[in-house]
N, C-alpha and C. Protein backbone atom coordinates (compact mmCIF):
# COMPACT_ATOMS: atom_id res chain seq x y z
N MET A 1 37.04 103.76 36.75
CA MET A 1 37.05 105.02 36.94
C MET A 1 38.03 105.47 38.24
N ASN A 2 38.20 104.83 39.30
CA ASN A 2 38.84 105.12 40.41
C ASN A 2 40.35 105.02 40.02
N ARG A 3 40.72 104.10 39.24
CA ARG A 3 42.13 103.88 38.80
C ARG A 3 42.57 105.26 37.92
N ARG A 4 41.68 105.62 37.15
CA ARG A 4 41.92 106.85 36.12
C ARG A 4 42.23 108.10 37.15
N ARG A 5 41.25 108.04 38.01
CA ARG A 5 41.51 109.25 39.09
C ARG A 5 42.57 109.30 39.89
N ALA A 6 43.11 108.00 40.55
CA ALA A 6 44.43 107.94 41.11
C ALA A 6 45.33 108.29 40.22
N GLU A 7 45.48 107.79 39.12
CA GLU A 7 46.51 108.18 38.28
C GLU A 7 46.64 109.77 37.95
N ARG A 8 45.49 110.37 37.63
CA ARG A 8 45.52 111.69 37.45
C ARG A 8 45.94 112.52 38.63
N ASP A 9 45.57 112.04 39.90
CA ASP A 9 45.91 112.68 41.05
C ASP A 9 47.38 112.49 41.37
N GLY A 10 47.79 111.24 41.02
CA GLY A 10 49.42 110.97 41.25
C GLY A 10 50.16 111.75 40.32
N ARG A 11 49.78 112.01 39.06
CA ARG A 11 50.57 113.02 38.06
C ARG A 11 50.61 114.51 38.74
N ARG A 12 49.47 114.68 39.14
CA ARG A 12 49.29 116.16 39.65
C ARG A 12 50.18 116.43 40.99
N GLY A 13 50.18 115.34 41.71
CA GLY A 13 51.15 115.29 42.89
C GLY A 13 52.45 115.41 42.65
N GLU A 14 53.02 114.57 41.38
CA GLU A 14 54.27 114.59 40.97
C GLU A 14 54.53 116.03 40.53
N GLY A 15 53.79 116.63 39.84
CA GLY A 15 53.90 118.02 39.26
C GLY A 15 54.05 118.98 40.46
N LEU A 16 53.30 118.92 41.38
CA LEU A 16 53.32 119.83 42.55
C LEU A 16 54.80 119.51 43.38
N ALA A 17 55.07 118.38 43.51
CA ALA A 17 56.12 117.94 43.99
C ALA A 17 57.51 118.52 43.40
N ALA A 18 57.50 118.45 42.09
CA ALA A 18 58.52 118.94 41.33
C ALA A 18 58.65 120.55 41.44
N TRP A 19 57.46 121.26 41.47
CA TRP A 19 57.72 122.67 41.66
C TRP A 19 58.20 122.92 43.09
N TYR A 20 57.70 122.14 44.20
CA TYR A 20 58.16 122.35 45.45
C TYR A 20 59.73 122.37 45.52
N LEU A 21 60.14 121.13 44.95
CA LEU A 21 61.80 121.01 45.00
C LEU A 21 62.28 122.11 44.23
N ARG A 22 61.84 122.61 43.05
CA ARG A 22 62.50 123.64 42.27
C ARG A 22 62.39 124.95 43.14
N LEU A 23 61.45 125.29 43.82
CA LEU A 23 61.43 126.35 44.96
C LEU A 23 62.51 126.25 45.98
N LYS A 24 62.93 125.16 46.32
CA LYS A 24 63.79 124.88 47.26
C LYS A 24 65.09 124.67 46.87
N GLY A 25 65.31 125.11 45.55
CA GLY A 25 66.60 125.21 44.93
C GLY A 25 67.09 123.86 44.21
N TRP A 26 66.21 122.82 44.11
CA TRP A 26 66.65 121.83 43.47
C TRP A 26 66.27 121.92 41.99
N ARG A 27 67.06 121.04 40.94
CA ARG A 27 67.12 121.10 39.68
C ARG A 27 66.38 119.71 39.18
N VAL A 28 65.14 119.45 38.80
CA VAL A 28 64.53 118.30 38.47
C VAL A 28 65.23 117.79 37.33
N LEU A 29 65.60 116.51 37.46
CA LEU A 29 66.39 116.06 36.31
C LEU A 29 65.53 114.94 35.42
N ALA A 30 64.75 114.41 36.05
CA ALA A 30 63.78 113.35 35.56
C ALA A 30 62.45 113.21 36.03
N ARG A 31 61.53 112.74 35.49
CA ARG A 31 60.24 112.40 36.13
C ARG A 31 59.80 110.98 35.55
N ARG A 32 59.16 110.23 36.40
CA ARG A 32 58.42 108.93 36.13
C ARG A 32 59.32 108.12 35.42
N LEU A 33 60.40 107.60 36.06
CA LEU A 33 61.29 106.69 35.42
C LEU A 33 61.24 105.27 35.55
N ARG A 34 60.92 104.38 34.69
CA ARG A 34 60.68 103.07 34.91
C ARG A 34 61.85 102.21 34.58
N THR A 35 61.97 101.17 35.49
CA THR A 35 63.15 100.22 35.17
C THR A 35 62.43 98.72 35.47
N ALA A 36 63.36 97.83 35.11
CA ALA A 36 62.88 96.42 35.45
C ALA A 36 62.49 96.24 37.04
N ARG A 37 63.12 97.11 37.79
CA ARG A 37 62.90 97.01 39.13
C ARG A 37 61.79 97.77 39.83
N GLY A 38 61.31 98.57 38.95
CA GLY A 38 60.10 99.52 39.55
C GLY A 38 60.19 100.95 38.80
N GLU A 39 59.55 101.79 39.60
CA GLU A 39 59.55 103.28 38.93
C GLU A 39 59.91 104.24 40.16
N VAL A 40 60.66 105.17 39.64
CA VAL A 40 60.83 106.42 40.60
C VAL A 40 60.12 107.56 40.17
N ASP A 41 59.52 108.25 40.95
CA ASP A 41 58.63 109.53 40.50
C ASP A 41 59.56 110.62 40.07
N LEU A 42 60.51 111.08 40.76
CA LEU A 42 61.29 112.24 40.43
C LEU A 42 62.84 112.00 40.81
N VAL A 43 63.78 112.59 39.95
CA VAL A 43 65.18 112.77 40.34
C VAL A 43 65.43 114.02 40.20
N ALA A 44 66.21 114.61 41.36
CA ALA A 44 66.71 115.88 41.36
C ALA A 44 67.90 116.18 41.86
N ARG A 45 68.45 117.16 41.51
CA ARG A 45 69.92 117.51 42.17
C ARG A 45 70.04 118.78 42.71
N ARG A 46 70.79 119.09 43.71
CA ARG A 46 71.13 120.29 44.29
C ARG A 46 72.59 120.22 44.69
N GLY A 47 73.39 120.87 43.95
CA GLY A 47 74.90 120.68 44.44
C GLY A 47 75.35 119.23 44.04
N ALA A 48 76.03 118.59 45.02
CA ALA A 48 76.43 117.48 44.74
C ALA A 48 75.49 116.13 45.42
N THR A 49 74.40 116.46 45.66
CA THR A 49 73.19 115.71 46.17
C THR A 49 72.38 115.25 45.08
N VAL A 50 72.09 114.09 44.74
CA VAL A 50 71.07 113.74 43.85
C VAL A 50 70.18 112.89 44.65
N VAL A 51 68.95 113.22 44.51
CA VAL A 51 67.85 112.64 45.12
C VAL A 51 66.79 111.79 44.15
N PHE A 52 66.29 110.51 44.73
CA PHE A 52 65.35 109.94 43.99
C PHE A 52 64.14 110.05 44.92
N VAL A 53 63.18 110.46 44.37
CA VAL A 53 61.91 110.97 45.34
C VAL A 53 60.83 110.08 44.94
N GLU A 54 60.30 109.52 46.09
CA GLU A 54 58.95 108.97 45.88
C GLU A 54 57.90 109.82 46.46
N VAL A 55 56.80 110.14 45.52
CA VAL A 55 55.86 111.23 45.69
C VAL A 55 54.42 110.32 46.21
N LYS A 56 53.96 110.71 47.32
CA LYS A 56 52.58 110.27 47.66
C LYS A 56 51.53 111.31 47.80
N TRP A 57 50.48 111.25 47.15
CA TRP A 57 49.20 112.12 47.10
C TRP A 57 48.09 111.27 47.66
N ARG A 58 47.48 111.76 48.73
CA ARG A 58 46.44 111.25 49.29
C ARG A 58 45.38 112.23 49.52
N ARG A 59 44.07 111.93 49.69
CA ARG A 59 42.99 112.73 49.80
C ARG A 59 42.86 113.48 51.11
N SER A 60 43.60 112.78 52.26
CA SER A 60 43.58 113.51 53.61
C SER A 60 44.78 113.27 54.24
N GLU A 61 45.18 113.98 55.23
CA GLU A 61 46.45 114.06 55.82
C GLU A 61 46.58 112.62 56.77
N ALA A 62 45.36 112.13 56.92
CA ALA A 62 45.18 110.84 57.82
C ALA A 62 45.70 109.82 56.85
N GLU A 63 45.41 109.71 55.70
CA GLU A 63 45.77 108.73 54.67
C GLU A 63 47.27 108.60 54.43
N LEU A 64 47.93 109.89 54.60
CA LEU A 64 49.34 109.98 54.24
C LEU A 64 50.23 109.00 55.25
N ALA A 65 49.50 108.79 56.45
CA ALA A 65 50.42 108.02 57.41
C ALA A 65 50.55 106.65 57.10
N THR A 66 49.83 106.09 56.18
CA THR A 66 50.03 104.69 55.65
C THR A 66 50.45 104.71 54.28
N ALA A 67 50.60 105.84 53.64
CA ALA A 67 51.06 105.74 52.11
C ALA A 67 52.43 105.29 51.81
N LEU A 68 53.36 105.34 52.77
CA LEU A 68 54.79 105.14 52.54
C LEU A 68 55.17 103.87 53.48
N ASP A 69 55.43 102.82 52.96
CA ASP A 69 56.06 101.60 53.66
C ASP A 69 57.33 101.05 53.10
N HIS A 70 57.78 100.24 53.86
CA HIS A 70 59.21 99.66 53.43
C HIS A 70 59.26 99.03 52.22
N HIS A 71 57.96 98.42 51.84
CA HIS A 71 57.97 97.89 50.54
C HIS A 71 58.21 98.89 49.41
N ARG A 72 57.43 99.90 49.38
CA ARG A 72 57.56 100.96 48.44
C ARG A 72 58.91 101.52 48.32
N LEU A 73 59.65 101.75 49.67
CA LEU A 73 60.77 102.33 49.65
C LEU A 73 61.85 101.46 49.08
N ARG A 74 61.71 100.17 49.29
CA ARG A 74 62.67 99.30 48.76
C ARG A 74 62.61 99.12 47.29
N ARG A 75 61.63 99.42 46.78
CA ARG A 75 61.39 99.53 45.27
C ARG A 75 62.16 100.66 44.77
N VAL A 76 61.87 101.82 45.43
CA VAL A 76 62.56 103.02 44.94
C VAL A 76 64.17 103.01 45.06
N ILE A 77 64.68 102.20 46.16
CA ILE A 77 65.90 101.97 46.36
C ILE A 77 66.52 101.15 45.17
N ALA A 78 65.77 100.17 44.89
CA ALA A 78 66.28 99.28 43.73
C ALA A 78 66.32 100.07 42.47
N CYS A 79 65.41 100.85 42.16
CA CYS A 79 65.35 101.92 40.92
C CYS A 79 66.50 102.53 40.99
N ALA A 80 66.89 103.39 42.11
CA ALA A 80 67.89 104.31 42.35
C ALA A 80 69.30 103.74 41.96
N GLU A 81 69.31 102.35 42.42
CA GLU A 81 70.71 101.53 42.22
C GLU A 81 70.81 101.22 40.86
N ALA A 82 69.78 101.12 40.05
CA ALA A 82 69.81 100.89 38.60
C ALA A 82 69.98 102.05 37.85
N LEU A 83 69.46 103.17 38.38
CA LEU A 83 69.65 104.32 37.56
C LEU A 83 70.90 105.42 38.05
N ALA A 84 71.51 105.02 38.97
CA ALA A 84 72.56 105.74 39.70
C ALA A 84 73.71 106.38 38.69
N PRO A 85 74.00 105.21 37.78
CA PRO A 85 75.03 105.65 36.84
C PRO A 85 74.72 106.63 35.88
N ARG A 86 73.52 106.63 35.66
CA ARG A 86 72.88 107.68 34.82
C ARG A 86 72.94 109.20 35.28
N PHE A 87 72.83 109.28 36.63
CA PHE A 87 72.74 110.60 37.25
C PHE A 87 73.83 111.06 38.12
N LEU A 88 74.57 110.17 38.56
CA LEU A 88 75.72 110.38 39.68
C LEU A 88 76.90 110.58 38.88
N ARG A 89 77.54 111.79 39.40
CA ARG A 89 78.94 112.04 39.19
C ARG A 89 79.89 111.59 40.25
N PRO A 90 81.22 111.48 40.02
CA PRO A 90 82.20 111.29 41.05
C PRO A 90 82.15 112.18 42.25
N GLY A 91 81.87 111.90 43.38
CA GLY A 91 81.73 112.65 44.52
C GLY A 91 80.39 113.04 44.79
N ASP A 92 79.45 112.68 44.11
CA ASP A 92 77.92 112.84 44.37
C ASP A 92 77.50 112.05 45.53
N VAL A 93 76.51 112.55 46.36
CA VAL A 93 75.86 111.64 47.33
C VAL A 93 74.43 111.37 46.74
N LEU A 94 73.94 110.08 47.03
CA LEU A 94 72.74 109.68 46.62
C LEU A 94 71.78 109.56 47.72
N ARG A 95 70.73 109.99 47.71
CA ARG A 95 69.69 110.03 48.78
C ARG A 95 68.35 109.69 48.38
N ILE A 96 67.69 108.89 49.18
CA ILE A 96 66.17 108.54 48.81
C ILE A 96 65.34 109.46 49.55
N ASP A 97 64.43 110.24 48.96
CA ASP A 97 63.48 111.26 49.92
C ASP A 97 62.04 110.79 49.37
N ALA A 98 61.15 111.32 50.25
CA ALA A 98 59.76 111.07 50.03
C ALA A 98 59.19 112.66 50.02
N ILE A 99 58.13 112.71 49.21
CA ILE A 99 57.26 113.94 49.35
C ILE A 99 55.77 113.51 49.66
N LEU A 100 55.18 113.98 50.59
CA LEU A 100 53.90 113.42 50.99
C LEU A 100 52.82 114.73 50.79
N LEU A 101 51.85 114.60 49.99
CA LEU A 101 51.07 115.77 49.61
C LEU A 101 49.57 115.24 49.75
N ALA A 102 48.78 116.34 50.40
CA ALA A 102 47.39 116.32 50.64
C ALA A 102 46.77 117.67 50.27
N PRO A 103 45.54 117.72 50.06
CA PRO A 103 44.86 118.99 49.70
C PRO A 103 44.79 119.58 50.94
N GLY A 104 45.01 121.07 50.67
CA GLY A 104 45.23 122.20 52.01
C GLY A 104 46.26 122.01 52.82
N ARG A 105 47.17 121.16 52.55
CA ARG A 105 48.34 120.90 53.31
C ARG A 105 49.69 121.20 52.68
N TRP A 106 50.60 121.78 53.39
CA TRP A 106 52.01 122.06 52.83
C TRP A 106 52.70 120.70 52.39
N PRO A 107 53.29 120.72 51.30
CA PRO A 107 54.02 119.43 51.15
C PRO A 107 55.16 119.12 52.36
N ARG A 108 55.11 117.67 52.74
CA ARG A 108 55.91 117.21 53.83
C ARG A 108 57.12 116.58 52.98
N HIS A 109 58.40 117.10 53.18
CA HIS A 109 59.53 116.58 52.59
C HIS A 109 60.35 115.70 53.57
N ILE A 110 60.52 114.42 53.35
CA ILE A 110 61.21 113.72 54.23
C ILE A 110 62.58 113.21 53.43
N ALA A 111 63.48 113.91 54.06
CA ALA A 111 64.85 113.70 53.48
C ALA A 111 65.28 112.27 53.98
N ASN A 112 66.16 111.39 53.44
CA ASN A 112 66.51 110.23 53.65
C ASN A 112 65.33 109.22 54.36
N ALA A 113 64.39 109.09 53.35
CA ALA A 113 63.23 108.36 53.82
C ALA A 113 63.54 106.86 54.07
N ALA A 114 64.41 106.51 53.27
CA ALA A 114 64.89 104.98 53.36
C ALA A 114 65.44 104.89 54.63
N LEU A 115 66.10 105.85 55.54
CA LEU A 115 66.40 105.57 56.67
C LEU A 115 65.64 105.78 57.88
N ALA A 116 64.31 106.28 57.64
CA ALA A 116 63.51 106.70 58.66
C ALA A 116 62.74 105.64 59.11
């Protein structure tokens, strides 16, 4: 039961993150892409910047503090490397971002999360 609820909340979070990006001028290119190296939640473009986004939804803001770690970011980086030829055009910039969500809070968008 908890796994199903987590999956449902995760999908809801990804939908909210996609809307948030659209409101900020991004065009969402793909959602929930799986590769042999793992999964990336969202791929979006704004101008010449393409972002691979890890979305984390937690029940409280306090839980978000531990939701994103280097292991998860390495997985997203590996996926981005595998998927980059599909989305990047010459001259584009690739970036790994994260969007953290909790009920009653504004989304927290971390640009260049892999460098943070």
